[in-house]
Amino acid sequence: GAVQAGGSLRLSCAASGRTFRSYVMGWFRQAPGKEREFVAAISRDG
């Protein structure tokens, strides 16, 4: 969504299926005109 500087947001990534715990997960972002950037990653067991 849209927020002002200093604000907060919580993103969710919902997975279908029952094998979610078998996957390492990551967040990436891409701004216009820029390369994709690594944001965060988390192991299978967290």
ModelCIF file with pLDDT and N, C-alpha, C, O atoms, coordinates in Angstrom:
data_MODEL
#
_entry.id   MODEL 
#
_entity.id                         1 
_entity.type                       polymer 
_entity.pdbx_number_of_molecules   1 
#
_entity_poly.entity_id                      1 
_entity_poly.type                           'polypeptide(L)' 
_entity_poly.nstd_linkage                   no 
_entity_poly.nstd_monomer                   no 
_entity_poly.pdbx_seq_one_letter_code       GAVQAGGSLRLSCAASGRTFRSYVMGWFRQAPGKEREFVAAISRDG 
_entity_poly.pdbx_seq_one_letter_code_can   GAVQAGGSLRLSCAASGRTFRSYVMGWFRQAPGKEREFVAAISRDG 
_entity_poly.pdbx_strand_id                 A 
#
loop_
_entity_poly_seq.entity_id 
_entity_poly_seq.num 
_entity_poly_seq.mon_id 
_entity_poly_seq.hetero 
1 1  GLY n 
1 2  ALA n 
1 3  VAL n 
1 4  GLN n 
1 5  ALA n 
1 6  GLY n 
1 7  GLY n 
1 8  SER n 
1 9  LEU n 
1 10 ARG n 
1 11 LEU n 
1 12 SER n 
1 13 CYS n 
1 14 ALA n 
1 15 ALA n 
1 16 SER n 
1 17 GLY n 
1 18 ARG n 
1 19 THR n 
1 20 PHE n 
1 21 ARG n 
1 22 SER n 
1 23 TYR n 
1 24 VAL n 
1 25 MET n 
1 26 GLY n 
1 27 TRP n 
1 28 PHE n 
1 29 ARG n 
1 30 GLN n 
1 31 ALA n 
1 32 PRO n 
1 33 GLY n 
1 34 LYS n 
1 35 GLU n 
1 36 ARG n 
1 37 GLU n 
1 38 PHE n 
1 39 VAL n 
1 40 ALA n 
1 41 ALA n 
1 42 ILE n 
1 43 SER n 
1 44 ARG n 
1 45 ASP n 
1 46 GLY n 
#
_struct_asym.id          A 
_struct_asym.entity_id   1 
#
loop_
_ma_qa_metric.id 
_ma_qa_metric.mode 
_ma_qa_metric.name 
_ma_qa_metric.software_group_id 
_ma_qa_metric.type 
1 global pLDDT . pLDDT 
2 local  pLDDT . pLDDT 
#
_ma_qa_metric_global.metric_id      1 
_ma_qa_metric_global.metric_value   95.52 
_ma_qa_metric_global.model_id       1 
_ma_qa_metric_global.ordinal_id     1 
#
loop_
_ma_qa_metric_local.label_asym_id 
_ma_qa_metric_local.label_comp_id 
_ma_qa_metric_local.label_seq_id 
_ma_qa_metric_local.metric_id 
_ma_qa_metric_local.metric_value 
_ma_qa_metric_local.model_id 
_ma_qa_metric_local.ordinal_id 
A GLY 1  2 97.00 1 1  
A ALA 2  2 98.00 1 2  
A VAL 3  2 98.00 1 3  
A GLN 4  2 98.00 1 4  
A ALA 5  2 98.00 1 5  
A GLY 6  2 98.00 1 6  
A GLY 7  2 98.00 1 7  
A SER 8  2 98.00 1 8  
A LEU 9  2 98.00 1 9  
A ARG 10 2 98.00 1 10 
A LEU 11 2 98.00 1 11 
A SER 12 2 98.00 1 12 
A CYS 13 2 98.00 1 13 
A ALA 14 2 98.00 1 14 
A ALA 15 2 97.00 1 15 
A SER 16 2 94.00 1 16 
A GLY 17 2 76.00 1 17 
A ARG 18 2 72.00 1 18 
A THR 19 2 90.00 1 19 
A PHE 20 2 93.00 1 20 
A ARG 21 2 93.00 1 21 
A SER 22 2 93.00 1 22 
A TYR 23 2 95.00 1 23 
A VAL 24 2 96.00 1 24 
A MET 25 2 97.00 1 25 
A GLY 26 2 98.00 1 26 
A TRP 27 2 98.00 1 27 
A PHE 28 2 98.00 1 28 
A ARG 29 2 98.00 1 29 
A GLN 30 2 98.00 1 30 
A ALA 31 2 96.00 1 31 
A PRO 32 2 92.00 1 32 
A GLY 33 2 94.00 1 33 
A LYS 34 2 96.00 1 34 
A GLU 35 2 96.00 1 35 
A ARG 36 2 97.00 1 36 
A GLU 37 2 98.00 1 37 
A PHE 38 2 98.00 1 38 
A VAL 39 2 98.00 1 39 
A ALA 40 2 98.00 1 40 
A ALA 41 2 98.00 1 41 
A ILE 42 2 97.00 1 42 
A SER 43 2 96.00 1 43 
A ARG 44 2 95.00 1 44 
A ASP 45 2 93.00 1 45 
A GLY 46 2 95.00 1 46 
#
loop_
_atom_site.group_PDB 
_atom_site.id 
_atom_site.type_symbol 
_atom_site.label_atom_id 
_atom_site.label_alt_id 
_atom_site.label_comp_id 
_atom_site.label_asym_id 
_atom_site.label_entity_id 
_atom_site.label_seq_id 
_atom_site.pdbx_PDB_ins_code 
_atom_site.Cartn_x 
_atom_site.Cartn_y 
_atom_site.Cartn_z 
_atom_site.occupancy 
_atom_site.B_iso_or_equiv 
_atom_site.pdbx_formal_charge 
_atom_site.auth_seq_id 
_atom_site.auth_comp_id 
_atom_site.auth_asym_id 
_atom_site.auth_atom_id 
_atom_site.pdbx_PDB_model_num 
ATOM 1   N N  . GLY A 1 1  ? 0.823  -1.196  0.000   1.00 97.00 ? 1  GLY A N  1 
ATOM 2   C CA . GLY A 1 1  ? 0.000  0.000   0.000   1.00 97.00 ? 1  GLY A CA 1 
ATOM 3   C C  . GLY A 1 1  ? 0.859  1.248   0.000   1.00 97.00 ? 1  GLY A C  1 
ATOM 4   O O  . GLY A 1 1  ? 2.065  1.196   -0.241  1.00 97.00 ? 1  GLY A O  1 
ATOM 5   N N  . ALA A 1 2  ? 0.212  2.371   0.275   1.00 98.00 ? 2  ALA A N  1 
ATOM 6   C CA . ALA A 1 2  ? 0.900  3.658   0.299   1.00 98.00 ? 2  ALA A CA 1 
ATOM 7   C C  . ALA A 1 2  ? 0.960  4.181   1.725   1.00 98.00 ? 2  ALA A C  1 
ATOM 8   O O  . ALA A 1 2  ? -0.057 4.241   2.415   1.00 98.00 ? 2  ALA A O  1 
ATOM 9   N N  . VAL A 1 3  ? 2.155  4.560   2.163   1.00 98.00 ? 3  VAL A N  1 
ATOM 10  C CA . VAL A 1 3  ? 2.342  5.091   3.511   1.00 98.00 ? 3  VAL A CA 1 
ATOM 11  C C  . VAL A 1 3  ? 3.290  6.272   3.454   1.00 98.00 ? 3  VAL A C  1 
ATOM 12  O O  . VAL A 1 3  ? 3.995  6.474   2.465   1.00 98.00 ? 3  VAL A O  1 
ATOM 13  N N  . GLN A 1 4  ? 3.298  7.046   4.519   1.00 98.00 ? 4  GLN A N  1 
ATOM 14  C CA . GLN A 1 4  ? 4.250  8.148   4.622   1.00 98.00 ? 4  GLN A CA 1 
ATOM 15  C C  . GLN A 1 4  ? 5.550  7.645   5.233   1.00 98.00 ? 4  GLN A C  1 
ATOM 16  O O  . GLN A 1 4  ? 5.577  6.626   5.923   1.00 98.00 ? 4  GLN A O  1 
ATOM 17  N N  . ALA A 1 5  ? 6.608  8.366   4.969   1.00 98.00 ? 5  ALA A N  1 
ATOM 18  C CA . ALA A 1 5  ? 7.904  8.023   5.538   1.00 98.00 ? 5  ALA A CA 1 
ATOM 19  C C  . ALA A 1 5  ? 7.795  7.900   7.053   1.00 98.00 ? 5  ALA A C  1 
ATOM 20  O O  . ALA A 1 5  ? 7.141  8.704   7.717   1.00 98.00 ? 5  ALA A O  1 
ATOM 21  N N  . GLY A 1 6  ? 8.457  6.869   7.580   1.00 98.00 ? 6  GLY A N  1 
ATOM 22  C CA . GLY A 1 6  ? 8.390  6.599   9.006   1.00 98.00 ? 6  GLY A CA 1 
ATOM 23  C C  . GLY A 1 6  ? 7.292  5.626   9.393   1.00 98.00 ? 6  GLY A C  1 
ATOM 24  O O  . GLY A 1 6  ? 7.248  5.146   10.526  1.00 98.00 ? 6  GLY A O  1 
ATOM 25  N N  . GLY A 1 7  ? 6.411  5.337   8.457   1.00 98.00 ? 7  GLY A N  1 
ATOM 26  C CA . GLY A 1 7  ? 5.298  4.429   8.729   1.00 98.00 ? 7  GLY A CA 1 
ATOM 27  C C  . GLY A 1 7  ? 5.700  2.969   8.648   1.00 98.00 ? 7  GLY A C  1 
ATOM 28  O O  . GLY A 1 7  ? 6.866  2.633   8.439   1.00 98.00 ? 7  GLY A O  1 
ATOM 29  N N  . SER A 1 8  ? 4.701  2.108   8.818   1.00 98.00 ? 8  SER A N  1 
ATOM 30  C CA . SER A 1 8  ? 4.929  0.669   8.840   1.00 98.00 ? 8  SER A CA 1 
ATOM 31  C C  . SER A 1 8  ? 3.924  -0.051  7.952   1.00 98.00 ? 8  SER A C  1 
ATOM 32  O O  . SER A 1 8  ? 2.800  0.408   7.748   1.00 98.00 ? 8  SER A O  1 
ATOM 33  N N  . LEU A 1 9  ? 4.352  -1.170  7.441   1.00 98.00 ? 9  LEU A N  1 
ATOM 34  C CA . LEU A 1 9  ? 3.481  -2.081  6.719   1.00 98.00 ? 9  LEU A CA 1 
ATOM 35  C C  . LEU A 1 9  ? 3.891  -3.500  7.056   1.00 98.00 ? 9  LEU A C  1 
ATOM 36  O O  . LEU A 1 9  ? 5.041  -3.756  7.415   1.00 98.00 ? 9  LEU A O  1 
ATOM 37  N N  . ARG A 1 10 ? 2.947  -4.420  6.939   1.00 98.00 ? 10 ARG A N  1 
ATOM 38  C CA . ARG A 1 10 ? 3.255  -5.831  7.126   1.00 98.00 ? 10 ARG A CA 1 
ATOM 39  C C  . ARG A 1 10 ? 2.810  -6.588  5.885   1.00 98.00 ? 10 ARG A C  1 
ATOM 40  O O  . ARG A 1 10 ? 1.617  -6.670  5.593   1.00 98.00 ? 10 ARG A O  1 
ATOM 41  N N  . LEU A 1 11 ? 3.756  -7.132  5.170   1.00 98.00 ? 11 LEU A N  1 
ATOM 42  C CA . LEU A 1 11 ? 3.452  -7.917  3.992   1.00 98.00 ? 11 LEU A CA 1 
ATOM 43  C C  . LEU A 1 11 ? 3.270  -9.379  4.374   1.00 98.00 ? 11 LEU A C  1 
ATOM 44  O O  . LEU A 1 11 ? 3.917  -9.885  5.291   1.00 98.00 ? 11 LEU A O  1 
ATOM 45  N N  . SER A 1 12 ? 2.379  -10.043 3.654   1.00 98.00 ? 12 SER A N  1 
ATOM 46  C CA . SER A 1 12 ? 2.159  -11.469 3.831   1.00 98.00 ? 12 SER A CA 1 
ATOM 47  C C  . SER A 1 12 ? 2.386  -12.184 2.508   1.00 98.00 ? 12 SER A C  1 
ATOM 48  O O  . SER A 1 12 ? 2.140  -11.634 1.434   1.00 98.00 ? 12 SER A O  1 
ATOM 49  N N  . CYS A 1 13 ? 2.854  -13.401 2.606   1.00 98.00 ? 13 CYS A N  1 
ATOM 50  C CA . CYS A 1 13 ? 3.040  -14.267 1.435   1.00 98.00 ? 13 CYS A CA 1 
ATOM 51  C C  . CYS A 1 13 ? 2.386  -15.593 1.787   1.00 98.00 ? 13 CYS A C  1 
ATOM 52  O O  . CYS A 1 13 ? 2.937  -16.389 2.548   1.00 98.00 ? 13 CYS A O  1 
ATOM 53  N N  . ALA A 1 14 ? 1.204  -15.819 1.224   1.00 98.00 ? 14 ALA A N  1 
ATOM 54  C CA . ALA A 1 14 ? 0.455  -17.033 1.509   1.00 98.00 ? 14 ALA A CA 1 
ATOM 55  C C  . ALA A 1 14 ? 0.760  -18.092 0.461   1.00 98.00 ? 14 ALA A C  1 
ATOM 56  O O  . ALA A 1 14 ? 0.755  -17.820 -0.740  1.00 98.00 ? 14 ALA A O  1 
ATOM 57  N N  . ALA A 1 15 ? 1.023  -19.288 0.932   1.00 97.00 ? 15 ALA A N  1 
ATOM 58  C CA . ALA A 1 15 ? 1.359  -20.403 0.040   1.00 97.00 ? 15 ALA A CA 1 
ATOM 59  C C  . ALA A 1 15 ? 0.225  -21.412 0.002   1.00 97.00 ? 15 ALA A C  1 
ATOM 60  O O  . ALA A 1 15 ? -0.363 -21.746 1.031   1.00 97.00 ? 15 ALA A O  1 
ATOM 61  N N  . SER A 1 16 ? -0.067 -21.882 -1.170  1.00 94.00 ? 16 SER A N  1 
ATOM 62  C CA . SER A 1 16 ? -1.063 -22.939 -1.307  1.00 94.00 ? 16 SER A CA 1 
ATOM 63  C C  . SER A 1 16 ? -0.373 -24.282 -1.116  1.00 94.00 ? 16 SER A C  1 
ATOM 64  O O  . SER A 1 16 ? 0.853  -24.367 -1.181  1.00 94.00 ? 16 SER A O  1 
ATOM 65  N N  . GLY A 1 17 ? -1.147 -25.320 -0.883  1.00 76.00 ? 17 GLY A N  1 
ATOM 66  C CA . GLY A 1 17 ? -0.539 -26.631 -0.727  1.00 76.00 ? 17 GLY A CA 1 
ATOM 67  C C  . GLY A 1 17 ? -0.087 -26.892 0.699   1.00 76.00 ? 17 GLY A C  1 
ATOM 68  O O  . GLY A 1 17 ? -0.085 -25.992 1.538   1.00 76.00 ? 17 GLY A O  1 
ATOM 69  N N  . ARG A 1 18 ? 0.297  -28.136 0.963   1.00 72.00 ? 18 ARG A N  1 
ATOM 70  C CA . ARG A 1 18 ? 0.655  -28.511 2.316   1.00 72.00 ? 18 ARG A CA 1 
ATOM 71  C C  . ARG A 1 18 ? 2.149  -28.798 2.479   1.00 72.00 ? 18 ARG A C  1 
ATOM 72  O O  . ARG A 1 18 ? 2.555  -29.484 3.416   1.00 72.00 ? 18 ARG A O  1 
ATOM 73  N N  . THR A 1 19 ? 2.965  -28.268 1.557   1.00 90.00 ? 19 THR A N  1 
ATOM 74  C CA . THR A 1 19 ? 4.402  -28.519 1.630   1.00 90.00 ? 19 THR A CA 1 
ATOM 75  C C  . THR A 1 19 ? 5.204  -27.262 1.902   1.00 90.00 ? 19 THR A C  1 
ATOM 76  O O  . THR A 1 19 ? 6.407  -27.217 1.646   1.00 90.00 ? 19 THR A O  1 
ATOM 77  N N  . PHE A 1 20 ? 4.538  -26.241 2.421   1.00 93.00 ? 20 PHE A N  1 
ATOM 78  C CA . PHE A 1 20 ? 5.191  -24.944 2.660   1.00 93.00 ? 20 PHE A CA 1 
ATOM 79  C C  . PHE A 1 20 ? 6.448  -25.093 3.493   1.00 93.00 ? 20 PHE A C  1 
ATOM 80  O O  . PHE A 1 20 ? 7.450  -24.425 3.238   1.00 93.00 ? 20 PHE A O  1 
ATOM 81  N N  . ARG A 1 21 ? 6.402  -25.961 4.483   1.00 93.00 ? 21 ARG A N  1 
ATOM 82  C CA . ARG A 1 21 ? 7.546  -26.116 5.376   1.00 93.00 ? 21 ARG A CA 1 
ATOM 83  C C  . ARG A 1 21 ? 8.753  -26.736 4.694   1.00 93.00 ? 21 ARG A C  1 
ATOM 84  O O  . ARG A 1 21 ? 9.832  -26.793 5.284   1.00 93.00 ? 21 ARG A O  1 
ATOM 85  N N  . SER A 1 22 ? 8.591  -27.202 3.460   1.00 93.00 ? 22 SER A N  1 
ATOM 86  C CA . SER A 1 22 ? 9.716  -27.772 2.704   1.00 93.00 ? 22 SER A CA 1 
ATOM 87  C C  . SER A 1 22 ? 10.502 -26.730 1.932   1.00 93.00 ? 22 SER A C  1 
ATOM 88  O O  . SER A 1 22 ? 11.492 -27.061 1.279   1.00 93.00 ? 22 SER A O  1 
ATOM 89  N N  . TYR A 1 23 ? 10.075 -25.475 1.995   1.00 95.00 ? 23 TYR A N  1 
ATOM 90  C CA . TYR A 1 23 ? 10.662 -24.424 1.169   1.00 95.00 ? 23 TYR A CA 1 
ATOM 91  C C  . TYR A 1 23 ? 11.382 -23.370 2.001   1.00 95.00 ? 23 TYR A C  1 
ATOM 92  O O  . TYR A 1 23 ? 10.860 -22.887 3.006   1.00 95.00 ? 23 TYR A O  1 
ATOM 93  N N  . VAL A 1 24 ? 12.582 -23.028 1.567   1.00 96.00 ? 24 VAL A N  1 
ATOM 94  C CA . VAL A 1 24 ? 13.207 -21.817 2.074   1.00 96.00 ? 24 VAL A CA 1 
ATOM 95  C C  . VAL A 1 24 ? 12.535 -20.656 1.344   1.00 96.00 ? 24 VAL A C  1 
ATOM 96  O O  . VAL A 1 24 ? 12.212 -20.762 0.161   1.00 96.00 ? 24 VAL A O  1 
ATOM 97  N N  . MET A 1 25 ? 12.331 -19.566 2.046   1.00 97.00 ? 25 MET A N  1 
ATOM 98  C CA . MET A 1 25 ? 11.552 -18.455 1.511   1.00 97.00 ? 25 MET A CA 1 
ATOM 99  C C  . MET A 1 25 ? 12.363 -17.161 1.500   1.00 97.00 ? 25 MET A C  1 
ATOM 100 O O  . MET A 1 25 ? 13.267 -16.959 2.310   1.00 97.00 ? 25 MET A O  1 
ATOM 101 N N  . GLY A 1 26 ? 12.008 -16.297 0.556   1.00 98.00 ? 26 GLY A N  1 
ATOM 102 C CA . GLY A 1 26 ? 12.704 -15.020 0.473   1.00 98.00 ? 26 GLY A CA 1 
ATOM 103 C C  . GLY A 1 26 ? 11.798 -13.899 0.025   1.00 98.00 ? 26 GLY A C  1 
ATOM 104 O O  . GLY A 1 26 ? 10.751 -14.129 -0.580  1.00 98.00 ? 26 GLY A O  1 
ATOM 105 N N  . TRP A 1 27 ? 12.213 -12.682 0.328   1.00 98.00 ? 27 TRP A N  1 
ATOM 106 C CA . TRP A 1 27 ? 11.556 -11.461 -0.154  1.00 98.00 ? 27 TRP A CA 1 
ATOM 107 C C  . TRP A 1 27 ? 12.562 -10.700 -1.013  1.00 98.00 ? 27 TRP A C  1 
ATOM 108 O O  . TRP A 1 27 ? 13.734 -10.569 -0.662  1.00 98.00 ? 27 TRP A O  1 
ATOM 109 N N  . PHE A 1 28 ? 12.081 -10.209 -2.129  1.00 98.00 ? 28 PHE A N  1 
ATOM 110 C CA . PHE A 1 28 ? 12.881 -9.375  -3.017  1.00 98.00 ? 28 PHE A CA 1 
ATOM 111 C C  . PHE A 1 28 ? 12.051 -8.164  -3.409  1.00 98.00 ? 28 PHE A C  1 
ATOM 112 O O  . PHE A 1 28 ? 10.825 -8.175  -3.293  1.00 98.00 ? 28 PHE A O  1 
ATOM 113 N N  . ARG A 1 29 ? 12.719 -7.129  -3.868  1.00 98.00 ? 29 ARG A N  1 
ATOM 114 C CA . ARG A 1 29 ? 11.990 -5.953  -4.332  1.00 98.00 ? 29 ARG A CA 1 
ATOM 115 C C  . ARG A 1 29 ? 12.649 -5.403  -5.580  1.00 98.00 ? 29 ARG A C  1 
ATOM 116 O O  . ARG A 1 29 ? 13.841 -5.598  -5.818  1.00 98.00 ? 29 ARG A O  1 
ATOM 117 N N  . GLN A 1 30 ? 11.844 -4.711  -6.369  1.00 98.00 ? 30 GLN A N  1 
ATOM 118 C CA . GLN A 1 30 ? 12.357 -4.089  -7.577  1.00 98.00 ? 30 GLN A CA 1 
ATOM 119 C C  . GLN A 1 30 ? 11.672 -2.756  -7.791  1.00 98.00 ? 30 GLN A C  1 
ATOM 120 O O  . GLN A 1 30 ? 10.449 -2.677  -7.910  1.00 98.00 ? 30 GLN A O  1 
ATOM 121 N N  . ALA A 1 31 ? 12.476 -1.716  -7.838  1.00 96.00 ? 31 ALA A N  1 
ATOM 122 C CA . ALA A 1 31 ? 11.985 -0.373  -8.102  1.00 96.00 ? 31 ALA A CA 1 
ATOM 123 C C  . ALA A 1 31 ? 12.118 -0.086  -9.599  1.00 96.00 ? 31 ALA A C  1 
ATOM 124 O O  . ALA A 1 31 ? 12.939 -0.705  -10.277 1.00 96.00 ? 31 ALA A O  1 
ATOM 125 N N  . PRO A 1 32 ? 11.322 0.841   -10.113 1.00 92.00 ? 32 PRO A N  1 
ATOM 126 C CA . PRO A 1 32 ? 11.406 1.161   -11.541 1.00 92.00 ? 32 PRO A CA 1 
ATOM 127 C C  . PRO A 1 32 ? 12.820 1.564   -11.955 1.00 92.00 ? 32 PRO A C  1 
ATOM 128 O O  . PRO A 1 32 ? 13.442 2.427   -11.336 1.00 92.00 ? 32 PRO A O  1 
ATOM 129 N N  . GLY A 1 33 ? 13.310 0.924   -13.012 1.00 94.00 ? 33 GLY A N  1 
ATOM 130 C CA . GLY A 1 33 ? 14.631 1.269   -13.526 1.00 94.00 ? 33 GLY A CA 1 
ATOM 131 C C  . GLY A 1 33 ? 15.794 0.698   -12.739 1.00 94.00 ? 33 GLY A C  1 
ATOM 132 O O  . GLY A 1 33 ? 16.953 0.986   -13.037 1.00 94.00 ? 33 GLY A O  1 
ATOM 133 N N  . LYS A 1 34 ? 15.485 -0.122  -11.723 1.00 96.00 ? 34 LYS A N  1 
ATOM 134 C CA . LYS A 1 34 ? 16.549 -0.688  -10.902 1.00 96.00 ? 34 LYS A CA 1 
ATOM 135 C C  . LYS A 1 34 ? 16.515 -2.205  -10.960 1.00 96.00 ? 34 LYS A C  1 
ATOM 136 O O  . LYS A 1 34 ? 15.507 -2.804  -11.334 1.00 96.00 ? 34 LYS A O  1 
ATOM 137 N N  . GLU A 1 35 ? 17.634 -2.820  -10.584 1.00 96.00 ? 35 GLU A N  1 
ATOM 138 C CA . GLU A 1 35 ? 17.694 -4.269  -10.554 1.00 96.00 ? 35 GLU A CA 1 
ATOM 139 C C  . GLU A 1 35 ? 16.954 -4.812  -9.336  1.00 96.00 ? 35 GLU A C  1 
ATOM 140 O O  . GLU A 1 35 ? 16.745 -4.107  -8.349  1.00 96.00 ? 35 GLU A O  1 
ATOM 141 N N  . ARG A 1 36 ? 16.566 -6.069  -9.428  1.00 97.00 ? 36 ARG A N  1 
ATOM 142 C CA . ARG A 1 36 ? 15.931 -6.730  -8.296  1.00 97.00 ? 36 ARG A CA 1 
ATOM 143 C C  . ARG A 1 36 ? 16.915 -6.782  -7.130  1.00 97.00 ? 36 ARG A C  1 
ATOM 144 O O  . ARG A 1 36 ? 18.103 -7.045  -7.315  1.00 97.00 ? 36 ARG A O  1 
ATOM 145 N N  . GLU A 1 37 ? 16.402 -6.528  -5.932  1.00 98.00 ? 37 GLU A N  1 
ATOM 146 C CA . GLU A 1 37 ? 17.232 -6.437  -4.733  1.00 98.00 ? 37 GLU A CA 1 
ATOM 147 C C  . GLU A 1 37 ? 16.778 -7.441  -3.685  1.00 98.00 ? 37 GLU A C  1 
ATOM 148 O O  . GLU A 1 37 ? 15.581 -7.594  -3.438  1.00 98.00 ? 37 GLU A O  1 
ATOM 149 N N  . PHE A 1 38 ? 17.728 -8.116  -3.079  1.00 98.00 ? 38 PHE A N  1 
ATOM 150 C CA . PHE A 1 38 ? 17.425 -9.024  -1.971  1.00 98.00 ? 38 PHE A CA 1 
ATOM 151 C C  . PHE A 1 38 ? 16.994 -8.220  -0.748  1.00 98.00 ? 38 PHE A C  1 
ATOM 152 O O  . PHE A 1 38 ? 17.637 -7.240  -0.374  1.00 98.00 ? 38 PHE A O  1 
ATOM 153 N N  . VAL A 1 39 ? 15.897 -8.652  -0.137  1.00 98.00 ? 39 VAL A N  1 
ATOM 154 C CA . VAL A 1 39 ? 15.392 -7.979  1.060   1.00 98.00 ? 39 VAL A CA 1 
ATOM 155 C C  . VAL A 1 39 ? 15.589 -8.850  2.301   1.00 98.00 ? 39 VAL A C  1 
ATOM 156 O O  . VAL A 1 39 ? 16.156 -8.402  3.297   1.00 98.00 ? 39 VAL A O  1 
ATOM 157 N N  . ALA A 1 40 ? 15.119 -10.089 2.234   1.00 98.00 ? 40 ALA A N  1 
ATOM 158 C CA . ALA A 1 40 ? 15.207 -10.954 3.407   1.00 98.00 ? 40 ALA A CA 1 
ATOM 159 C C  . ALA A 1 40 ? 14.980 -12.399 2.989   1.00 98.00 ? 40 ALA A C  1 
ATOM 160 O O  . ALA A 1 40 ? 14.385 -12.679 1.948   1.00 98.00 ? 40 ALA A O  1 
ATOM 161 N N  . ALA A 1 41 ? 15.470 -13.312 3.828   1.00 98.00 ? 41 ALA A N  1 
ATOM 162 C CA . ALA A 1 41 ? 15.241 -14.736 3.606   1.00 98.00 ? 41 ALA A CA 1 
ATOM 163 C C  . ALA A 1 41 ? 15.109 -15.431 4.946   1.00 98.00 ? 41 ALA A C  1 
ATOM 164 O O  . ALA A 1 41 ? 15.611 -14.960 5.966   1.00 98.00 ? 41 ALA A O  1 
ATOM 165 N N  . ILE A 1 42 ? 14.418 -16.567 4.921   1.00 97.00 ? 42 ILE A N  1 
ATOM 166 C CA . ILE A 1 42 ? 14.194 -17.315 6.152   1.00 97.00 ? 42 ILE A CA 1 
ATOM 167 C C  . ILE A 1 42 ? 14.250 -18.801 5.836   1.00 97.00 ? 42 ILE A C  1 
ATOM 168 O O  . ILE A 1 42 ? 13.741 -19.253 4.810   1.00 97.00 ? 42 ILE A O  1 
ATOM 169 N N  . SER A 1 43 ? 14.878 -19.551 6.732   1.00 96.00 ? 43 SER A N  1 
ATOM 170 C CA . SER A 1 43 ? 15.031 -20.982 6.526   1.00 96.00 ? 43 SER A CA 1 
ATOM 171 C C  . SER A 1 43 ? 13.703 -21.707 6.676   1.00 96.00 ? 43 SER A C  1 
ATOM 172 O O  . SER A 1 43 ? 12.711 -21.130 7.121   1.00 96.00 ? 43 SER A O  1 
ATOM 173 N N  . ARG A 1 44 ? 13.698 -22.975 6.301   1.00 95.00 ? 44 ARG A N  1 
ATOM 174 C CA . ARG A 1 44 ? 12.478 -23.779 6.367   1.00 95.00 ? 44 ARG A CA 1 
ATOM 175 C C  . ARG A 1 44 ? 11.853 -23.775 7.744   1.00 95.00 ? 44 ARG A C  1 
ATOM 176 O O  . ARG A 1 44 ? 10.638 -23.638 7.886   1.00 95.00 ? 44 ARG A O  1 
ATOM 177 N N  . ASP A 1 45 ? 12.693 -23.926 8.763   1.00 93.00 ? 45 ASP A N  1 
ATOM 178 C CA . ASP A 1 45 ? 12.161 -24.029 10.123  1.00 93.00 ? 45 ASP A CA 1 
ATOM 179 C C  . ASP A 1 45 ? 12.084 -22.679 10.826  1.00 93.00 ? 45 ASP A C  1 
ATOM 180 O O  . ASP A 1 45 ? 11.684 -22.607 11.988  1.00 93.00 ? 45 ASP A O  1 
ATOM 181 N N  . GLY A 1 46 ? 12.464 -21.615 10.134  1.00 95.00 ? 46 GLY A N  1 
ATOM 182 C CA . GLY A 1 46 ? 12.373 -20.277 10.694  1.00 95.00 ? 46 GLY A CA 1 
ATOM 183 C C  . GLY A 1 46 ? 13.470 -19.909 11.679  1.00 95.00 ? 46 GLY A C  1 
ATOM 184 O O  . GLY A 1 46 ? 13.479 -18.797 12.207  1.00 95.00 ? 46 GLY A O  1 
#
